[in-house]
Amino acid sequence: MNETEIFNKVAELLAEHFDIEADKVTNELNFKKDLDGDSINFLEFVMDLEDAFGAEISDEDAAKLETVGQAVDYIKSHQ
């Protein structure tokens, strides 16, 4: 998958988990500051990322993911 495909899938998953439209998602969107969700929402989102991309994201790595761009870069480098 290329970066655009990864971004689009991440945006789709965000739209499902957090009440946001996929076309409003940017690389700068911060999971903790910009989304109205709690740690359980974020954990479920990370689990969906793992399922969607066939990658395992450790709790330590997940804690470092703050923005959409960081998540896309992480997935791209761990495909």
N, C-alpha and C. Protein backbone atom coordinates (compact mmCIF):
# COMPACT_ATOMS: atom_id res chain seq x y z
N MET A 1 0.85 -1.19 0.00
CA MET A 1 0.00 0.00 0.00
C MET A 1 0.88 1.24 0.00
N ASN A 2 0.43 2.23 -0.75
CA ASN A 2 1.19 3.47 -0.72
C ASN A 2 0.65 4.40 0.38
N GLU A 3 1.33 5.51 0.58
CA GLU A 3 1.00 6.42 1.67
C GLU A 3 -0.42 6.96 1.57
N THR A 4 -0.88 7.27 0.37
CA THR A 4 -2.23 7.80 0.18
C THR A 4 -3.27 6.75 0.54
N GLU A 5 -3.05 5.51 0.13
CA GLU A 5 -3.99 4.44 0.47
C GLU A 5 -4.04 4.21 1.97
N ILE A 6 -2.88 4.25 2.61
CA ILE A 6 -2.82 4.08 4.07
C ILE A 6 -3.59 5.23 4.74
N PHE A 7 -3.31 6.46 4.31
CA PHE A 7 -3.99 7.63 4.88
C PHE A 7 -5.50 7.49 4.75
N ASN A 8 -5.97 7.13 3.57
CA ASN A 8 -7.41 7.01 3.33
C ASN A 8 -8.05 5.96 4.23
N LYS A 9 -7.36 4.84 4.44
CA LYS A 9 -7.88 3.79 5.32
C LYS A 9 -7.90 4.26 6.76
N VAL A 10 -6.84 4.94 7.19
CA VAL A 10 -6.78 5.48 8.56
C VAL A 10 -7.93 6.48 8.75
N ALA A 11 -8.15 7.36 7.78
CA ALA A 11 -9.23 8.34 7.87
C ALA A 11 -10.59 7.65 7.97
N GLU A 12 -10.77 6.59 7.21
CA GLU A 12 -12.02 5.82 7.25
C GLU A 12 -12.23 5.21 8.64
N LEU A 13 -11.17 4.64 9.21
CA LEU A 13 -11.27 4.04 10.54
C LEU A 13 -11.54 5.09 11.60
N LEU A 14 -10.90 6.25 11.47
CA LEU A 14 -11.16 7.35 12.41
C LEU A 14 -12.62 7.77 12.35
N ALA A 15 -13.16 7.86 11.15
CA ALA A 15 -14.55 8.26 10.98
C ALA A 15 -15.50 7.28 11.67
N GLU A 16 -15.13 6.00 11.64
CA GLU A 16 -15.96 4.98 12.28
C GLU A 16 -15.90 5.07 13.81
N HIS A 17 -14.74 5.41 14.35
CA HIS A 17 -14.55 5.39 15.81
C HIS A 17 -14.84 6.70 16.50
N PHE A 18 -14.59 7.78 15.81
CA PHE A 18 -14.77 9.09 16.40
C PHE A 18 -15.73 9.84 15.49
N ASP A 19 -16.57 10.62 16.06
CA ASP A 19 -17.61 11.29 15.28
C ASP A 19 -17.00 12.40 14.43
N ILE A 20 -16.33 11.98 13.35
CA ILE A 20 -15.66 12.93 12.45
C ILE A 20 -15.83 12.42 11.02
N GLU A 21 -15.93 13.35 10.10
CA GLU A 21 -16.05 12.96 8.69
C GLU A 21 -14.66 12.66 8.15
N ALA A 22 -14.54 11.61 7.36
CA ALA A 22 -13.25 11.18 6.83
C ALA A 22 -12.56 12.29 6.04
N ASP A 23 -13.33 13.13 5.36
CA ASP A 23 -12.71 14.18 4.56
C ASP A 23 -12.20 15.35 5.41
N LYS A 24 -12.46 15.33 6.71
CA LYS A 24 -11.95 16.36 7.62
C LYS A 24 -10.62 15.94 8.26
N VAL A 25 -10.20 14.72 8.03
CA VAL A 25 -8.97 14.19 8.62
C VAL A 25 -7.77 14.74 7.88
N THR A 26 -6.79 15.21 8.65
CA THR A 26 -5.52 15.69 8.08
C THR A 26 -4.38 14.96 8.78
N ASN A 27 -3.19 15.05 8.22
CA ASN A 27 -2.02 14.44 8.86
C ASN A 27 -1.73 15.07 10.21
N GLU A 28 -2.12 16.32 10.41
CA GLU A 28 -1.83 17.03 11.66
C GLU A 28 -2.85 16.75 12.75
N LEU A 29 -3.96 16.09 12.42
CA LEU A 29 -5.00 15.82 13.40
C LEU A 29 -4.41 15.03 14.56
N ASN A 30 -4.58 15.55 15.77
CA ASN A 30 -4.03 14.93 16.97
C ASN A 30 -5.12 14.07 17.63
N PHE A 31 -4.79 12.80 17.86
CA PHE A 31 -5.77 11.87 18.41
C PHE A 31 -6.30 12.33 19.77
N LYS A 32 -5.42 12.84 20.62
CA LYS A 32 -5.83 13.18 21.98
C LYS A 32 -6.43 14.59 22.08
N LYS A 33 -5.89 15.52 21.32
CA LYS A 33 -6.34 16.91 21.44
C LYS A 33 -7.54 17.24 20.55
N ASP A 34 -7.60 16.63 19.37
CA ASP A 34 -8.61 17.03 18.39
C ASP A 34 -9.84 16.12 18.33
N LEU A 35 -9.74 14.95 18.91
CA LEU A 35 -10.86 14.01 18.84
C LEU A 35 -11.50 13.86 20.21
N ASP A 36 -12.80 13.79 20.22
CA ASP A 36 -13.53 13.66 21.47
C ASP A 36 -13.68 12.17 21.80
N GLY A 37 -12.60 11.59 22.26
CA GLY A 37 -12.62 10.18 22.60
C GLY A 37 -11.80 9.91 23.85
N ASP A 38 -11.97 8.73 24.37
CA ASP A 38 -11.21 8.36 25.56
C ASP A 38 -10.19 7.28 25.19
N SER A 39 -9.48 6.80 26.19
CA SER A 39 -8.43 5.82 25.94
C SER A 39 -8.99 4.52 25.38
N ILE A 40 -10.20 4.16 25.72
CA ILE A 40 -10.81 2.94 25.19
C ILE A 40 -11.10 3.11 23.70
N ASN A 41 -11.60 4.28 23.31
CA ASN A 41 -11.81 4.55 21.88
C ASN A 41 -10.50 4.43 21.11
N PHE A 42 -9.43 5.00 21.68
CA PHE A 42 -8.13 4.96 21.01
C PHE A 42 -7.62 3.53 20.92
N LEU A 43 -7.78 2.76 21.98
CA LEU A 43 -7.34 1.37 21.98
C LEU A 43 -8.09 0.57 20.92
N GLU A 44 -9.39 0.76 20.81
CA GLU A 44 -10.18 0.08 19.79
C GLU A 44 -9.73 0.51 18.39
N PHE A 45 -9.41 1.79 18.24
CA PHE A 45 -8.93 2.30 16.96
C PHE A 45 -7.60 1.63 16.59
N VAL A 46 -6.69 1.52 17.55
CA VAL A 46 -5.39 0.86 17.31
C VAL A 46 -5.60 -0.60 16.93
N MET A 47 -6.52 -1.28 17.59
CA MET A 47 -6.81 -2.68 17.26
C MET A 47 -7.35 -2.79 15.83
N ASP A 48 -8.18 -1.85 15.43
CA ASP A 48 -8.69 -1.85 14.05
C ASP A 48 -7.57 -1.56 13.05
N LEU A 49 -6.63 -0.68 13.42
CA LEU A 49 -5.47 -0.45 12.56
C LEU A 49 -4.70 -1.75 12.36
N GLU A 50 -4.49 -2.47 13.45
CA GLU A 50 -3.78 -3.75 13.37
C GLU A 50 -4.49 -4.71 12.44
N ASP A 51 -5.80 -4.81 12.57
CA ASP A 51 -6.58 -5.71 11.72
C ASP A 51 -6.55 -5.26 10.26
N ALA A 52 -6.71 -3.97 10.04
CA ALA A 52 -6.79 -3.45 8.67
C ALA A 52 -5.48 -3.57 7.91
N PHE A 53 -4.37 -3.46 8.65
CA PHE A 53 -3.07 -3.44 7.98
C PHE A 53 -2.22 -4.67 8.26
N GLY A 54 -2.76 -5.61 9.03
CA GLY A 54 -2.02 -6.84 9.32
C GLY A 54 -0.72 -6.60 10.04
N ALA A 55 -0.71 -5.59 10.90
CA ALA A 55 0.50 -5.26 11.66
C ALA A 55 0.19 -5.26 13.14
N GLU A 56 1.16 -5.62 13.94
CA GLU A 56 0.99 -5.55 15.38
C GLU A 56 1.63 -4.27 15.88
N ILE A 57 0.87 -3.50 16.64
CA ILE A 57 1.36 -2.25 17.20
C ILE A 57 1.46 -2.43 18.71
N SER A 58 2.68 -2.39 19.22
CA SER A 58 2.87 -2.59 20.66
C SER A 58 2.24 -1.44 21.43
N ASP A 59 1.92 -1.69 22.69
CA ASP A 59 1.34 -0.64 23.53
C ASP A 59 2.28 0.55 23.61
N GLU A 60 3.58 0.26 23.68
CA GLU A 60 4.59 1.32 23.76
C GLU A 60 4.57 2.19 22.49
N ASP A 61 4.50 1.54 21.33
CA ASP A 61 4.45 2.28 20.07
C ASP A 61 3.13 3.03 19.93
N ALA A 62 2.03 2.41 20.33
CA ALA A 62 0.72 3.06 20.23
C ALA A 62 0.69 4.34 21.07
N ALA A 63 1.33 4.31 22.23
CA ALA A 63 1.35 5.49 23.10
C ALA A 63 2.10 6.66 22.45
N LYS A 64 3.00 6.36 21.54
CA LYS A 64 3.77 7.40 20.86
C LYS A 64 3.03 8.01 19.68
N LEU A 65 1.99 7.35 19.22
CA LEU A 65 1.23 7.84 18.07
C LEU A 65 0.29 8.95 18.53
N GLU A 66 0.59 10.16 18.12
CA GLU A 66 -0.23 11.30 18.52
C GLU A 66 -1.03 11.90 17.37
N THR A 67 -0.51 11.76 16.16
CA THR A 67 -1.20 12.37 15.01
C THR A 67 -1.47 11.33 13.93
N VAL A 68 -2.36 11.68 13.02
CA VAL A 68 -2.65 10.81 11.89
C VAL A 68 -1.38 10.56 11.08
N GLY A 69 -0.61 11.61 10.85
CA GLY A 69 0.63 11.48 10.08
C GLY A 69 1.59 10.49 10.71
N GLN A 70 1.70 10.50 12.03
CA GLN A 70 2.57 9.55 12.72
C GLN A 70 2.05 8.13 12.55
N ALA A 71 0.75 7.96 12.60
CA ALA A 71 0.16 6.62 12.41
C ALA A 71 0.41 6.12 10.99
N VAL A 72 0.25 6.99 10.01
CA VAL A 72 0.49 6.61 8.61
C VAL A 72 1.95 6.22 8.43
N ASP A 73 2.86 7.04 8.96
CA ASP A 73 4.30 6.73 8.84
C ASP A 73 4.64 5.41 9.51
N TYR A 74 4.05 5.17 10.68
CA TYR A 74 4.30 3.93 11.41
C TYR A 74 3.86 2.72 10.58
N ILE A 75 2.65 2.80 10.07
CA ILE A 75 2.12 1.69 9.27
C ILE A 75 2.96 1.48 8.01
N LYS A 76 3.31 2.58 7.35
CA LYS A 76 4.11 2.49 6.13
C LYS A 76 5.45 1.80 6.39
N SER A 77 6.07 2.09 7.52
CA SER A 77 7.38 1.52 7.82
C SER A 77 7.29 0.12 8.41
N HIS A 78 6.09 -0.34 8.78
CA HIS A 78 5.93 -1.67 9.37
C HIS A 78 5.07 -2.61 8.53
N GLN A 79 4.98 -2.34 7.23
CA GLN A 79 4.19 -3.22 6.35
C GLN A 79 4.95 -4.48 6.05
